[in-house]
Amino acid sequence: MESVEATIELERDDCAVSNLIFARLKHANVSRLVIGREKSLHRVKSVKSEDLLDVITDLRRVSESVRKVARDVLWVEGKSCSACRFLSSSTVPVVGSRTIDQKHLAFRILVQSRKSLELLIAQMAKAGLNPKVIDIRAGQGQSLTEREKEVLLFAFNHGYFESNRQSSLTELAEKLDVSTSSLSDVMRRALRKVVEEYLRRNL
């Protein structure tokens, strides 16, 4: 059985982080780094870094924590919205997300089959998330680039993946002479490919 990769647009209006960002900033986007039942970690990136300074105080009022990880990037941990709660309680692997606007966001997911996808969409509709399939394709592995291989191997050799992590992302970035946000982006892309390939082989 071949797995299916789908991008699904969901509708909700209960994400305090997205609501604030889209109400206040014109040149920002929000994605999710970690999706949880209670709390989710959001990545807020703005074309105009000075805009982020204007909303940090207000973000702290509607979230658990706000961390500036780069000049133009914030990590904001806040209460999970209905879409994130739904996906975190399901067994569906989420391999990417992006916020479209204040009410809509898209998740890229892997499911075992088209039948599984149909059942999931029905459950999303029942939960009031108004799902809309944007893209669907049979699972196809993506090979790592040379840079992604280099970064993963470097992180592995420096104990980044150990349970008692021996190097932080910031320390790795310093050793590689790159910004933390740039290294984070490469690492996230590489890990997504590795996880996708593993899930395709084992689902």
Protein backbone atom coordinates (compact mmCIF):
# COMPACT_ATOMS: atom_id res chain seq x y z
CA MET A 1 0.00 0.00 0.00
CA GLU A 2 1.42 3.39 -0.97
CA SER A 3 1.10 6.29 1.45
CA VAL A 4 -0.51 9.55 0.41
CA GLU A 5 0.76 13.06 1.04
CA ALA A 6 -1.92 15.74 1.20
CA THR A 7 -2.10 19.44 1.95
CA ILE A 8 -5.35 20.35 3.66
CA GLU A 9 -6.65 23.82 4.40
CA LEU A 10 -8.53 24.13 7.69
CA GLU A 11 -10.63 26.95 9.06
CA ARG A 12 -10.65 28.15 12.66
CA ASP A 13 -10.69 31.47 14.50
CA ASP A 14 -9.35 30.55 17.94
CA CYS A 15 -5.56 30.93 17.52
CA ALA A 16 -4.62 33.90 19.71
CA VAL A 17 -1.11 34.11 18.22
CA SER A 18 -2.28 34.17 14.57
CA ASN A 19 -5.14 36.53 15.37
CA LEU A 20 -2.76 39.05 16.91
CA ILE A 21 -0.11 38.78 14.20
CA PHE A 22 -2.54 39.16 11.30
CA ALA A 23 -4.37 42.00 13.00
CA ARG A 24 -1.18 43.96 13.65
CA LEU A 25 1.39 43.02 10.99
CA LYS A 26 1.11 43.09 7.21
CA HIS A 27 4.46 41.50 6.39
CA ALA A 28 4.57 38.49 8.68
CA ASN A 29 3.84 34.79 8.44
CA VAL A 30 3.14 32.16 11.07
CA SER A 31 4.01 28.47 10.97
CA ARG A 32 4.05 25.77 13.60
CA LEU A 33 7.20 24.09 14.83
CA VAL A 34 5.52 21.87 17.41
CA ILE A 35 1.81 20.96 17.50
CA GLY A 36 0.40 19.89 20.85
CA ARG A 37 -2.96 19.18 22.45
CA GLU A 38 -2.57 21.96 25.00
CA LYS A 39 0.19 24.21 23.62
CA SER A 40 1.82 24.70 20.23
CA LEU A 41 5.09 26.39 19.29
CA HIS A 42 4.64 29.01 16.56
CA ARG A 43 7.34 30.50 14.35
CA VAL A 44 6.59 34.13 13.56
CA LYS A 45 8.70 35.67 10.80
CA SER A 46 8.43 39.24 9.55
CA VAL A 47 9.94 40.91 6.51
CA LYS A 48 10.29 44.03 8.65
CA SER A 49 12.12 42.96 11.80
CA GLU A 50 11.27 46.21 13.59
CA ASP A 51 7.57 45.24 13.40
CA LEU A 52 8.21 42.30 15.71
CA LEU A 53 9.37 44.61 18.48
CA ASP A 54 5.98 46.35 18.32
CA VAL A 55 4.05 43.14 19.08
CA ILE A 56 6.29 41.29 21.56
CA THR A 57 4.59 42.82 24.62
CA ASP A 58 1.12 41.98 23.31
CA LEU A 59 2.22 38.47 22.30
CA ARG A 60 3.38 37.86 25.86
CA ARG A 61 -0.14 38.66 27.04
CA VAL A 62 -1.76 36.00 24.83
CA SER A 63 0.92 33.28 25.00
CA GLU A 64 3.01 31.22 27.40
CA SER A 65 6.40 32.42 26.18
CA VAL A 66 8.02 34.52 23.47
CA ARG A 67 11.63 34.02 22.34
CA LYS A 68 13.49 36.04 19.75
CA VAL A 69 15.65 33.50 17.91
CA ALA A 70 16.79 35.73 15.05
CA ARG A 71 16.50 39.35 13.99
CA ASP A 72 13.27 38.66 12.13
CA VAL A 73 12.00 35.49 13.86
CA LEU A 74 10.12 34.82 17.09
CA TRP A 75 9.18 31.51 18.63
CA VAL A 76 5.89 31.86 20.44
CA GLU A 77 4.41 29.11 22.60
CA GLY A 78 0.69 29.54 23.01
CA LYS A 79 -2.54 27.69 23.62
CA SER A 80 -3.33 25.27 20.79
CA CYS A 81 -6.17 26.20 18.47
CA SER A 82 -8.92 23.75 17.51
CA ALA A 83 -7.03 22.65 14.36
CA CYS A 84 -3.81 21.92 16.26
CA ARG A 85 -5.71 20.11 19.01
CA PHE A 86 -7.44 17.94 16.40
CA LEU A 87 -4.22 16.99 14.61
CA SER A 88 -2.23 16.38 17.79
CA SER A 89 -4.90 13.97 19.03
CA SER A 90 -4.86 12.03 15.76
CA THR A 91 -2.15 9.61 14.66
CA VAL A 92 -1.52 11.51 11.41
CA PRO A 93 2.08 12.68 10.87
CA VAL A 94 2.24 16.40 10.10
CA VAL A 95 5.23 17.23 7.89
CA GLY A 96 4.58 20.94 7.40
CA SER A 97 2.25 23.80 8.18
CA ARG A 98 1.64 27.39 7.21
CA THR A 99 -0.91 30.02 8.13
CA ILE A 100 -2.77 31.38 5.13
CA ASP A 101 -4.63 34.17 6.88
CA GLN A 102 -6.24 34.89 10.23
CA LYS A 103 -8.84 32.14 9.80
CA HIS A 104 -7.17 29.61 7.51
CA LEU A 105 -4.10 27.44 7.80
CA ALA A 106 -2.72 24.56 5.78
CA PHE A 107 -1.19 21.33 7.04
CA ARG A 108 0.84 18.89 4.95
CA ILE A 109 0.18 15.40 6.24
CA LEU A 110 0.94 11.77 5.47
CA VAL A 111 -1.79 9.14 5.54
CA GLN A 112 -1.76 5.43 4.79
CA SER A 113 -4.18 5.55 1.86
CA ARG A 114 -6.77 7.65 0.05
CA LYS A 115 -9.44 5.88 2.07
CA SER A 116 -7.71 6.99 5.29
CA LEU A 117 -7.63 10.54 3.92
CA GLU A 118 -11.37 10.46 3.18
CA LEU A 119 -12.11 9.31 6.73
CA LEU A 120 -9.84 12.00 8.17
CA ILE A 121 -11.51 14.73 6.11
CA ALA A 122 -14.92 13.54 7.34
CA GLN A 123 -13.68 13.74 10.94
CA MET A 124 -12.29 17.24 10.34
CA ALA A 125 -15.62 18.37 8.89
CA LYS A 126 -17.46 16.92 11.88
CA ALA A 127 -15.12 18.89 14.16
CA GLY A 128 -16.16 22.10 12.38
CA LEU A 129 -12.79 22.71 10.68
CA ASN A 130 -14.25 23.01 7.13
CA PRO A 131 -11.42 21.02 5.46
CA LYS A 132 -10.44 21.68 1.87
CA VAL A 133 -7.88 19.51 0.06
CA ILE A 134 -5.37 21.77 -1.69
CA ASP A 135 -3.00 19.11 -2.97
CA ILE A 136 -2.79 15.33 -2.94
CA ARG A 137 -0.14 12.99 -4.27
CA ALA A 138 1.19 9.50 -3.82
CA GLY A 139 4.07 9.49 -1.39
CA GLN A 140 7.41 10.05 -3.06
CA GLY A 141 10.68 10.19 -1.19
CA GLN A 142 12.84 13.27 -1.41
CA SER A 143 16.56 12.80 -1.28
CA LEU A 144 18.68 14.90 1.05
CA THR A 145 20.87 17.60 -0.47
CA GLU A 146 24.60 17.49 0.22
CA ARG A 147 24.20 20.42 2.63
CA GLU A 148 21.39 18.65 4.51
CA LYS A 149 23.49 15.48 4.81
CA GLU A 150 26.45 17.53 6.04
CA VAL A 151 24.35 19.32 8.69
CA LEU A 152 22.67 16.13 9.97
CA LEU A 153 25.99 14.28 10.21
CA PHE A 154 27.64 17.24 11.96
CA ALA A 155 24.75 17.48 14.45
CA PHE A 156 24.83 13.72 15.06
CA ASN A 157 28.60 13.66 15.61
CA HIS A 158 28.35 16.57 18.07
CA GLY A 159 25.70 14.90 20.24
CA TYR A 160 22.76 17.04 19.21
CA PHE A 161 20.40 14.06 19.05
CA GLU A 162 21.51 12.49 22.36
CA SER A 163 18.95 12.36 25.19
CA ASN A 164 21.31 14.51 27.27
CA ARG A 165 21.95 16.86 24.33
CA GLN A 166 25.67 17.63 24.19
CA SER A 167 25.39 20.58 21.79
CA SER A 168 22.67 23.17 21.33
CA LEU A 169 21.51 24.45 17.95
CA THR A 170 23.18 27.78 18.74
CA GLU A 171 26.48 26.06 19.51
CA LEU A 172 26.30 24.06 16.29
CA ALA A 173 25.56 27.24 14.32
CA GLU A 174 28.61 28.94 15.84
CA LYS A 175 30.85 25.99 14.93
CA LEU A 176 29.50 26.00 11.37
CA ASP A 177 29.72 29.81 11.19
CA VAL A 178 26.07 30.24 10.16
CA SER A 179 23.08 31.89 11.83
CA THR A 180 20.96 29.81 14.19
CA SER A 181 17.84 30.49 12.11
CA SER A 182 19.58 29.38 8.90
CA LEU A 183 20.80 26.17 10.53
CA SER A 184 17.34 25.58 12.00
CA ASP A 185 15.77 25.85 8.53
CA VAL A 186 18.23 23.36 6.98
CA MET A 187 17.85 20.98 9.91
CA ARG A 188 14.05 21.12 9.76
CA ARG A 189 14.00 20.41 6.00
CA ALA A 190 16.43 17.52 6.40
CA LEU A 191 14.62 15.95 9.34
CA ARG A 192 11.28 16.27 7.56
CA LYS A 193 12.67 14.30 4.61
CA VAL A 194 14.13 11.63 6.89
CA VAL A 195 10.87 11.28 8.83
CA GLU A 196 8.78 11.21 5.64
CA GLU A 197 10.94 8.42 4.22
CA TYR A 198 10.75 6.44 7.45
CA LEU A 199 6.97 6.79 7.63
CA ARG A 200 6.53 5.80 3.98
CA ARG A 201 8.52 2.64 4.59
CA ASN A 202 6.82 1.75 7.86
CA LEU A 203 3.21 2.97 7.73
